[in-house]
Amino acid sequence: VESGGGLVQAGGSLRLSCAASINIFSFDTMGWYRQA
């Protein structure tokens, strides 16, 4: 479950979070992707 998105002006900052239902070290690789 992702959270932290929103509207921000150019030059600003945001911090996105991804909450997993299990220990994320159970996975070899985790990542962020985006689609414009």
Full PDB file with SEQRES, HELIX, SHEET, SSBOND, CRYST1, ORIGX, SCALE, CONECT and MASTER records, all heavy atoms in Angstrom:
SEQRES   1 A   36  VAL GLU SER GLY GLY GLY LEU VAL GLN ALA GLY GLY SER          
SEQRES   2 A   36  LEU ARG LEU SER CYS ALA ALA SER ILE ASN ILE PHE SER          
SEQRES   3 A   36  PHE ASP THR MET GLY TRP TYR ARG GLN ALA                      
HELIX    1 AA1 ILE A   24  SER A   26  5                                   3    
SHEET    1 AA1 2 GLU A   2  SER A   3  0                                        
SHEET    2 AA1 2 SER A  17  CYS A  18 -1                                        
CRYST1    1.000    1.000    1.000  90.00  90.00  90.00 P 1           1          
ORIGX1      1.000000  0.000000  0.000000        0.00000                         
ORIGX2      0.000000  1.000000  0.000000        0.00000                         
ORIGX3      0.000000  0.000000  1.000000        0.00000                         
SCALE1      1.000000  0.000000  0.000000        0.00000                         
SCALE2      0.000000  1.000000  0.000000        0.00000                         
SCALE3      0.000000  0.000000  1.000000        0.00000                         
ATOM      1  N   VAL A   1       0.839  -1.188   0.000  1.00  0.00           N  
ATOM      2  CA  VAL A   1       0.000   0.000   0.000  1.00  0.00           C  
ATOM      3  C   VAL A   1       0.876   1.241   0.000  1.00  0.00           C  
ATOM      4  O   VAL A   1       1.615   1.481   0.953  1.00  0.00           O  
ATOM      5  CB  VAL A   1      -0.948   0.028   1.213  1.00  0.00           C  
ATOM      6  CG1 VAL A   1      -1.813   1.280   1.169  1.00  0.00           C  
ATOM      7  CG2 VAL A   1      -1.820  -1.215   1.243  1.00  0.00           C  
ATOM      8  N   GLU A   2       0.779   2.035  -1.081  1.00  0.00           N  
ATOM      9  CA  GLU A   2       1.555   3.260  -1.201  1.00  0.00           C  
ATOM     10  C   GLU A   2       0.810   4.434  -0.573  1.00  0.00           C  
ATOM     11  O   GLU A   2      -0.420   4.471  -0.565  1.00  0.00           O  
ATOM     12  CB  GLU A   2       1.848   3.589  -2.672  1.00  0.00           C  
ATOM     13  CG  GLU A   2       2.572   2.491  -3.437  1.00  0.00           C  
ATOM     14  CD  GLU A   2       1.630   1.595  -4.208  1.00  0.00           C  
ATOM     15  OE1 GLU A   2       0.452   1.458  -3.793  1.00  0.00           O  
ATOM     16  OE2 GLU A   2       2.056   1.032  -5.234  1.00  0.00           O  
ATOM     17  N   SER A   3       1.573   5.417  -0.100  1.00  0.00           N  
ATOM     18  CA  SER A   3       1.000   6.645   0.429  1.00  0.00           C  
ATOM     19  C   SER A   3       2.027   7.765   0.304  1.00  0.00           C  
ATOM     20  O   SER A   3       3.201   7.509   0.051  1.00  0.00           O  
ATOM     21  CB  SER A   3       0.568   6.481   1.886  1.00  0.00           C  
ATOM     22  OG  SER A   3       1.678   6.186   2.719  1.00  0.00           O  
ATOM     23  N   GLY A   4       1.579   9.003   0.481  1.00  0.00           N  
ATOM     24  CA  GLY A   4       2.479  10.143   0.463  1.00  0.00           C  
ATOM     25  C   GLY A   4       2.421  10.989  -0.785  1.00  0.00           C  
ATOM     26  O   GLY A   4       3.076  12.039  -0.850  1.00  0.00           O  
ATOM     27  N   GLY A   5       1.663  10.576  -1.786  1.00  0.00           N  
ATOM     28  CA  GLY A   5       1.541  11.364  -2.997  1.00  0.00           C  
ATOM     29  C   GLY A   5       0.714  12.611  -2.765  1.00  0.00           C  
ATOM     30  O   GLY A   5       0.071  12.780  -1.730  1.00  0.00           O  
ATOM     31  N   GLY A   6       0.740  13.507  -3.746  1.00  0.00           N  
ATOM     32  CA  GLY A   6      -0.013  14.742  -3.639  1.00  0.00           C  
ATOM     33  C   GLY A   6       0.445  15.759  -4.650  1.00  0.00           C  
ATOM     34  O   GLY A   6       1.169  15.442  -5.595  1.00  0.00           O  
ATOM     35  N   LEU A   7       0.026  17.001  -4.442  1.00  0.00           N  
ATOM     36  CA  LEU A   7       0.374  18.117  -5.318  1.00  0.00           C  
ATOM     37  C   LEU A   7       1.486  18.935  -4.687  1.00  0.00           C  
ATOM     38  O   LEU A   7       1.393  19.316  -3.513  1.00  0.00           O  
ATOM     39  CB  LEU A   7      -0.852  18.996  -5.568  1.00  0.00           C  
ATOM     40  CG  LEU A   7      -0.642  20.267  -6.388  1.00  0.00           C  
ATOM     41  CD1 LEU A   7      -0.214  19.916  -7.806  1.00  0.00           C  
ATOM     42  CD2 LEU A   7      -1.916  21.095  -6.396  1.00  0.00           C  
ATOM     43  N   VAL A   8       2.533  19.208  -5.455  1.00  0.00           N  
ATOM     44  CA  VAL A   8       3.664  19.980  -4.961  1.00  0.00           C  
ATOM     45  C   VAL A   8       4.189  20.872  -6.078  1.00  0.00           C  
ATOM     46  O   VAL A   8       4.086  20.531  -7.256  1.00  0.00           O  
ATOM     47  CB  VAL A   8       4.778  19.040  -4.433  1.00  0.00           C  
ATOM     48  CG1 VAL A   8       5.356  18.199  -5.569  1.00  0.00           C  
ATOM     49  CG2 VAL A   8       5.875  19.823  -3.737  1.00  0.00           C  
ATOM     50  N   GLN A   9       4.735  22.024  -5.708  1.00  0.00           N  
ATOM     51  CA  GLN A   9       5.324  22.925  -6.693  1.00  0.00           C  
ATOM     52  C   GLN A   9       6.716  22.462  -7.091  1.00  0.00           C  
ATOM     53  O   GLN A   9       7.400  21.769  -6.337  1.00  0.00           O  
ATOM     54  CB  GLN A   9       5.402  24.348  -6.141  1.00  0.00           C  
ATOM     55  CG  GLN A   9       4.058  25.026  -5.958  1.00  0.00           C  
ATOM     56  CD  GLN A   9       4.196  26.469  -5.528  1.00  0.00           C  
ATOM     57  OE1 GLN A   9       5.142  26.843  -4.843  1.00  0.00           O  
ATOM     58  NE2 GLN A   9       3.247  27.292  -5.938  1.00  0.00           N  
ATOM     59  N   ALA A  10       7.131  22.827  -8.294  1.00  0.00           N  
ATOM     60  CA  ALA A  10       8.471  22.499  -8.761  1.00  0.00           C  
ATOM     61  C   ALA A  10       9.514  22.978  -7.758  1.00  0.00           C  
ATOM     62  O   ALA A  10       9.415  24.083  -7.230  1.00  0.00           O  
ATOM     63  CB  ALA A  10       8.726  23.122 -10.125  1.00  0.00           C  
ATOM     64  N   GLY A  11      10.508  22.121  -7.507  1.00  0.00           N  
ATOM     65  CA  GLY A  11      11.538  22.426  -6.532  1.00  0.00           C  
ATOM     66  C   GLY A  11      11.244  21.898  -5.145  1.00  0.00           C  
ATOM     67  O   GLY A  11      12.132  21.883  -4.279  1.00  0.00           O  
ATOM     68  N   GLY A  12      10.028  21.440  -4.923  1.00  0.00           N  
ATOM     69  CA  GLY A  12       9.633  20.924  -3.630  1.00  0.00           C  
ATOM     70  C   GLY A  12      10.000  19.468  -3.440  1.00  0.00           C  
ATOM     71  O   GLY A  12      10.631  18.845  -4.292  1.00  0.00           O  
ATOM     72  N   SER A  13       9.569  18.906  -2.304  1.00  0.00           N  
ATOM     73  CA  SER A  13       9.902  17.529  -1.944  1.00  0.00           C  
ATOM     74  C   SER A  13       8.678  16.759  -1.485  1.00  0.00           C  
ATOM     75  O   SER A  13       7.716  17.335  -0.965  1.00  0.00           O  
ATOM     76  CB  SER A  13      10.937  17.505  -0.814  1.00  0.00           C  
ATOM     77  OG  SER A  13      12.148  18.118  -1.197  1.00  0.00           O  
ATOM     78  N   LEU A  14       8.721  15.450  -1.677  1.00  0.00           N  
ATOM     79  CA  LEU A  14       7.721  14.529  -1.166  1.00  0.00           C  
ATOM     80  C   LEU A  14       8.420  13.252  -0.735  1.00  0.00           C  
ATOM     81  O   LEU A  14       9.458  12.895  -1.289  1.00  0.00           O  
ATOM     82  CB  LEU A  14       6.667  14.184  -2.220  1.00  0.00           C  
ATOM     83  CG  LEU A  14       5.598  15.212  -2.560  1.00  0.00           C  
ATOM     84  CD1 LEU A  14       4.749  14.709  -3.724  1.00  0.00           C  
ATOM     85  CD2 LEU A  14       4.721  15.504  -1.356  1.00  0.00           C  
ATOM     86  N   ARG A  15       7.841  12.555   0.239  1.00  0.00           N  
ATOM     87  CA  ARG A  15       8.346  11.262   0.667  1.00  0.00           C  
ATOM     88  C   ARG A  15       7.237  10.232   0.524  1.00  0.00           C  
ATOM     89  O   ARG A  15       6.208  10.323   1.197  1.00  0.00           O  
ATOM     90  CB  ARG A  15       8.827  11.301   2.113  1.00  0.00           C  
ATOM     91  CG  ARG A  15       9.579  10.043   2.541  1.00  0.00           C  
ATOM     92  CD  ARG A  15       9.824  10.035   4.034  1.00  0.00           C  
ATOM     93  NE  ARG A  15      10.802   9.028   4.430  1.00  0.00           N  
ATOM     94  CZ  ARG A  15      11.017   8.648   5.677  1.00  0.00           C  
ATOM     95  NH1 ARG A  15      10.335   9.207   6.672  1.00  0.00           N  
ATOM     96  NH2 ARG A  15      11.934   7.733   5.948  1.00  0.00           N  
ATOM     97  N   LEU A  16       7.443   9.263  -0.353  1.00  0.00           N  
ATOM     98  CA  LEU A  16       6.482   8.198  -0.558  1.00  0.00           C  
ATOM     99  C   LEU A  16       6.796   7.017   0.348  1.00  0.00           C  
ATOM    100  O   LEU A  16       7.957   6.718   0.607  1.00  0.00           O  
ATOM    101  CB  LEU A  16       6.488   7.734  -2.012  1.00  0.00           C  
ATOM    102  CG  LEU A  16       6.254   8.799  -3.084  1.00  0.00           C  
ATOM    103  CD1 LEU A  16       6.205   8.144  -4.462  1.00  0.00           C  
ATOM    104  CD2 LEU A  16       4.980   9.580  -2.806  1.00  0.00           C  
ATOM    105  N   SER A  17       5.749   6.342   0.808  1.00  0.00           N  
ATOM    106  CA  SER A  17       5.902   5.163   1.643  1.00  0.00           C  
ATOM    107  C   SER A  17       5.166   3.986   1.024  1.00  0.00           C  
ATOM    108  O   SER A  17       4.124   4.162   0.394  1.00  0.00           O  
ATOM    109  CB  SER A  17       5.349   5.415   3.047  1.00  0.00           C  
ATOM    110  OG  SER A  17       6.041   6.450   3.702  1.00  0.00           O  
ATOM    111  N   CYS A  18       5.703   2.801   1.205  1.00  0.00           N  
ATOM    112  CA  CYS A  18       5.069   1.559   0.772  1.00  0.00           C  
ATOM    113  C   CYS A  18       5.032   0.629   1.964  1.00  0.00           C  
ATOM    114  O   CYS A  18       6.087   0.169   2.422  1.00  0.00           O  
ATOM    115  CB  CYS A  18       5.846   0.936  -0.390  1.00  0.00           C  
ATOM    116  SG  CYS A  18       5.270  -0.709  -0.872  1.00  0.00           S  
ATOM    117  N   ALA A  19       3.843   0.363   2.480  1.00  0.00           N  
ATOM    118  CA  ALA A  19       3.674  -0.522   3.629  1.00  0.00           C  
ATOM    119  C   ALA A  19       3.365  -1.928   3.144  1.00  0.00           C  
ATOM    120  O   ALA A  19       2.396  -2.132   2.411  1.00  0.00           O  
ATOM    121  CB  ALA A  19       2.561  -0.009   4.532  1.00  0.00           C  
ATOM    122  N   ALA A  20       4.180  -2.890   3.549  1.00  0.00           N  
ATOM    123  CA  ALA A  20       4.009  -4.278   3.149  1.00  0.00           C  
ATOM    124  C   ALA A  20       3.380  -5.089   4.275  1.00  0.00           C  
ATOM    125  O   ALA A  20       3.579  -4.793   5.454  1.00  0.00           O  
ATOM    126  CB  ALA A  20       5.347  -4.887   2.751  1.00  0.00           C  
ATOM    127  N   SER A  21       2.640  -6.116   3.906  1.00  0.00           N  
ATOM    128  CA  SER A  21       1.973  -6.954   4.891  1.00  0.00           C  
ATOM    129  C   SER A  21       2.913  -7.960   5.536  1.00  0.00           C  
ATOM    130  O   SER A  21       2.556  -8.592   6.528  1.00  0.00           O  
ATOM    131  CB  SER A  21       0.791  -7.690   4.250  1.00  0.00           C  
ATOM    132  OG  SER A  21       1.228  -8.500   3.169  1.00  0.00           O  
ATOM    133  N   ILE A  22       4.132  -8.130   4.977  1.00  0.00           N  
ATOM    134  CA  ILE A  22       5.135  -9.018   5.534  1.00  0.00           C  
ATOM    135  C   ILE A  22       6.485  -8.316   5.531  1.00  0.00           C  
ATOM    136  O   ILE A  22       6.638  -7.241   4.957  1.00  0.00           O  
ATOM    137  CB  ILE A  22       5.239 -10.354   4.764  1.00  0.00           C  
ATOM    138  CG1 ILE A  22       5.713 -10.114   3.330  1.00  0.00           C  
ATOM    139  CG2 ILE A  22       3.908 -11.090   4.776  1.00  0.00           C  
ATOM    140  CD1 ILE A  22       6.020 -11.376   2.565  1.00  0.00           C  
ATOM    141  N   ASN A  23       7.475  -8.952   6.163  1.00  0.00           N  
ATOM    142  CA  ASN A  23       8.835  -8.436   6.196  1.00  0.00           C  
ATOM    143  C   ASN A  23       9.357  -8.258   4.771  1.00  0.00           C  
ATOM    144  O   ASN A  23       9.389  -9.214   3.996  1.00  0.00           O  
ATOM    145  CB  ASN A  23       9.722  -9.400   6.977  1.00  0.00           C  
ATOM    146  CG  ASN A  23      11.099  -8.848   7.276  1.00  0.00           C  
ATOM    147  OD1 ASN A  23      11.652  -8.050   6.519  1.00  0.00           O  
ATOM    148  ND2 ASN A  23      11.672  -9.282   8.386  1.00  0.00           N  
ATOM    149  N   ILE A  24       9.780  -7.042   4.407  1.00  0.00           N  
ATOM    150  CA  ILE A  24      10.227  -6.790   3.039  1.00  0.00           C  
ATOM    151  C   ILE A  24      11.547  -7.471   2.722  1.00  0.00           C  
ATOM    152  O   ILE A  24      11.906  -7.596   1.548  1.00  0.00           O  
ATOM    153  CB  ILE A  24      10.324  -5.283   2.730  1.00  0.00           C  
ATOM    154  CG1 ILE A  24      11.358  -4.599   3.629  1.00  0.00           C  
ATOM    155  CG2 ILE A  24       8.957  -4.634   2.864  1.00  0.00           C  
ATOM    156  CD1 ILE A  24      11.596  -3.146   3.262  1.00  0.00           C  
ATOM    157  N   PHE A  25      12.266  -7.937   3.729  1.00  0.00           N  
ATOM    158  CA  PHE A  25      13.497  -8.689   3.484  1.00  0.00           C  
ATOM    159  C   PHE A  25      13.189 -10.097   2.986  1.00  0.00           C  
ATOM    160  O   PHE A  25      14.109 -10.851   2.657  1.00  0.00           O  
ATOM    161  CB  PHE A  25      14.366  -8.741   4.739  1.00  0.00           C  
ATOM    162  CG  PHE A  25      15.064  -7.461   5.023  1.00  0.00           C  
ATOM    163  CD1 PHE A  25      14.482  -6.492   5.830  1.00  0.00           C  
ATOM    164  CD2 PHE A  25      16.308  -7.190   4.474  1.00  0.00           C  
ATOM    165  CE1 PHE A  25      15.119  -5.296   6.092  1.00  0.00           C  
ATOM    166  CE2 PHE A  25      16.957  -5.999   4.724  1.00  0.00           C  
ATOM    167  CZ  PHE A  25      16.365  -5.047   5.535  1.00  0.00           C  
ATOM    168  N   SER A  26      11.910 -10.459   2.911  1.00  0.00           N  
ATOM    169  CA  SER A  26      11.505 -11.706   2.288  1.00  0.00           C  
ATOM    170  C   SER A  26      11.675 -11.656   0.778  1.00  0.00           C  
ATOM    171  O   SER A  26      11.652 -12.696   0.119  1.00  0.00           O  
ATOM    172  CB  SER A  26      10.044 -12.023   2.627  1.00  0.00           C  
ATOM    173  OG  SER A  26       9.862 -12.172   4.022  1.00  0.00           O  
ATOM    174  N   PHE A  27      11.840 -10.434   0.224  1.00  0.00           N  
ATOM    175  CA  PHE A  27      11.958 -10.242  -1.214  1.00  0.00           C  
ATOM    176  C   PHE A  27      13.394  -9.922  -1.601  1.00  0.00           C  
ATOM    177  O   PHE A  27      14.096  -9.194  -0.903  1.00  0.00           O  
ATOM    178  CB  PHE A  27      11.028  -9.118  -1.674  1.00  0.00           C  
ATOM    179  CG  PHE A  27       9.595  -9.340  -1.307  1.00  0.00           C  
ATOM    180  CD1 PHE A  27       9.026  -8.654  -0.244  1.00  0.00           C  
ATOM    181  CD2 PHE A  27       8.828 -10.243  -2.014  1.00  0.00           C  
ATOM    182  CE1 PHE A  27       7.704  -8.862   0.109  1.00  0.00           C  
ATOM    183  CE2 PHE A  27       7.505 -10.463  -1.674  1.00  0.00           C  
ATOM    184  CZ  PHE A  27       6.946  -9.768  -0.609  1.00  0.00           C  
ATOM    185  N   ASP A  28      13.827 -10.459  -2.749  1.00  0.00           N  
ATOM    186  CA  ASP A  28      15.184 -10.213  -3.234  1.00  0.00           C  
ATOM    187  C   ASP A  28      15.372  -8.752  -3.605  1.00  0.00           C  
ATOM    188  O   ASP A  28      16.416  -8.164  -3.321  1.00  0.00           O  
ATOM    189  CB  ASP A  28      15.487 -11.097  -4.446  1.00  0.00           C  
ATOM    190  CG  ASP A  28      15.486 -12.573  -4.123  1.00  0.00           C  
ATOM    191  OD1 ASP A  28      15.931 -12.940  -3.007  1.00  0.00           O  
ATOM    192  OD2 ASP A  28      15.052 -13.365  -4.983  1.00  0.00           O  
ATOM    193  N   THR A  29      14.369  -8.178  -4.265  1.00  0.00           N  
ATOM    194  CA  THR A  29      14.451  -6.803  -4.740  1.00  0.00           C  
ATOM    195  C   THR A  29      13.112  -6.097  -4.575  1.00  0.00           C  
ATOM    196  O   THR A  29      12.061  -6.690  -4.828  1.00  0.00           O  
ATOM    197  CB  THR A  29      14.858  -6.746  -6.224  1.00  0.00           C  
ATOM    198  OG1 THR A  29      16.091  -7.449  -6.414  1.00  0.00           O  
ATOM    199  CG2 THR A  29      15.038  -5.308  -6.687  1.00  0.00           C  
ATOM    200  N   MET A  30      13.153  -4.845  -4.149  1.00  0.00           N  
ATOM    201  CA  MET A  30      11.970  -4.009  -4.123  1.00  0.00           C  
ATOM    202  C   MET A  30      12.274  -2.728  -4.885  1.00  0.00           C  
ATOM    203  O   MET A  30      13.434  -2.333  -5.008  1.00  0.00           O  
ATOM    204  CB  MET A  30      11.536  -3.682  -2.699  1.00  0.00           C  
ATOM    205  CG  MET A  30      11.086  -4.897  -1.922  1.00  0.00           C  
ATOM    206  SD  MET A  30      10.211  -4.465  -0.394  1.00  0.00           S  
ATOM    207  CE  MET A  30       8.680  -3.798  -1.065  1.00  0.00           C  
ATOM    208  N   GLY A  31      11.239  -2.100  -5.411  1.00  0.00           N  
ATOM    209  CA  GLY A  31      11.489  -0.900  -6.184  1.00  0.00           C  
ATOM    210  C   GLY A  31      10.282  -0.011  -6.341  1.00  0.00           C  
ATOM    211  O   GLY A  31       9.164  -0.361  -5.944  1.00  0.00           O  
ATOM    212  N   TRP A  32      10.547   1.156  -6.896  1.00  0.00           N  
ATOM    213  CA  TRP A  32       9.515   2.122  -7.249  1.00  0.00           C  
ATOM    214  C   TRP A  32       9.490   2.288  -8.760  1.00  0.00           C  
ATOM    215  O   TRP A  32      10.544   2.418  -9.393  1.00  0.00           O  
ATOM    216  CB  TRP A  32       9.774   3.476  -6.594  1.00  0.00           C  
ATOM    217  CG  TRP A  32       9.553   3.491  -5.109  1.00  0.00           C  
ATOM    218  CD1 TRP A  32      10.478   3.315  -4.135  1.00  0.00           C  
ATOM    219  CD2 TRP A  32       8.306   3.707  -4.442  1.00  0.00           C  
ATOM    220  NE1 TRP A  32       9.899   3.406  -2.897  1.00  0.00           N  
ATOM    221  CE2 TRP A  32       8.567   3.647  -3.048  1.00  0.00           C  
ATOM    222  CE3 TRP A  32       7.007   3.946  -4.872  1.00  0.00           C  
ATOM    223  CZ2 TRP A  32       7.566   3.818  -2.093  1.00  0.00           C  
ATOM    224  CZ3 TRP A  32       6.005   4.107  -3.924  1.00  0.00           C  
ATOM    225  CH2 TRP A  32       6.294   4.045  -2.554  1.00  0.00           C  
ATOM    226  N   TYR A  33       8.309   2.289  -9.330  1.00  0.00           N  
ATOM    227  CA  TYR A  33       8.082   2.531 -10.744  1.00  0.00           C  
ATOM    228  C   TYR A  33       7.085   3.664 -10.877  1.00  0.00           C  
ATOM    229  O   TYR A  33       6.372   3.984  -9.934  1.00  0.00           O  
ATOM    230  CB  TYR A  33       7.547   1.276 -11.433  1.00  0.00           C  
ATOM    231  CG  TYR A  33       8.547   0.148 -11.515  1.00  0.00           C  
ATOM    232  CD1 TYR A  33       8.923  -0.565 -10.383  1.00  0.00           C  
ATOM    233  CD2 TYR A  33       9.120  -0.212 -12.737  1.00  0.00           C  
ATOM    234  CE1 TYR A  33       9.849  -1.599 -10.456  1.00  0.00           C  
ATOM    235  CE2 TYR A  33      10.035  -1.243 -12.820  1.00  0.00           C  
ATOM    236  CZ  TYR A  33      10.394  -1.932 -11.674  1.00  0.00           C  
ATOM    237  OH  TYR A  33      11.308  -2.956 -11.761  1.00  0.00           O  
ATOM    238  N   ARG A  34       7.023   4.277 -12.052  1.00  0.00           N  
ATOM    239  CA  ARG A  34       6.065   5.346 -12.267  1.00  0.00           C  
ATOM    240  C   ARG A  34       5.521   5.294 -13.692  1.00  0.00           C  
ATOM    241  O   ARG A  34       6.171   4.800 -14.605  1.00  0.00           O  
ATOM    242  CB  ARG A  34       6.680   6.721 -11.987  1.00  0.00           C  
ATOM    243  CG  ARG A  34       7.760   7.148 -12.971  1.00  0.00           C  
ATOM    244  CD  ARG A  34       8.396   8.453 -12.508  1.00  0.00           C  
ATOM    245  NE  ARG A  34       9.415   8.927 -13.427  1.00  0.00           N  
ATOM    246  CZ  ARG A  34      10.200   9.968 -13.200  1.00  0.00           C  
ATOM    247  NH1 ARG A  34      10.084  10.652 -12.058  1.00  0.00           N  
ATOM    248  NH2 ARG A  34      11.103  10.340 -14.093  1.00  0.00           N  
ATOM    249  N   GLN A  35       4.319   5.814 -13.850  1.00  0.00           N  
ATOM    250  CA  GLN A  35       3.676   5.883 -15.152  1.00  0.00           C  
ATOM    251  C   GLN A  35       3.054   7.260 -15.324  1.00  0.00           C  
ATOM    252  O   GLN A  35       2.110   7.617 -14.624  1.00  0.00           O  
ATOM    253  CB  GLN A  35       2.615   4.793 -15.307  1.00  0.00           C  
ATOM    254  CG  GLN A  35       2.030   4.707 -16.704  1.00  0.00           C  
ATOM    255  CD  GLN A  35       1.246   3.430 -16.927  1.00  0.00           C  
ATOM    256  OE1 GLN A  35       0.837   2.770 -15.973  1.00  0.00           O  
ATOM    257  NE2 GLN A  35       1.047   3.065 -18.178  1.00  0.00           N  
ATOM    258  N   ALA A  36       3.609   8.034 -16.247  1.00  0.00           N  
ATOM    259  CA  ALA A  36       3.115   9.363 -16.548  1.00  0.00           C  
ATOM    260  C   ALA A  36       1.963   9.267 -17.541  1.00  0.00           C  
ATOM    261  O   ALA A  36       1.828   8.266 -18.255  1.00  0.00           O  
ATOM    262  CB  ALA A  36       4.235  10.225 -17.110  1.00  0.00           C  
TER     263      ALA A  36                                                      
MASTER        0    0    0    1    2    0    0    6  262    1    0    3          
END                                                                             
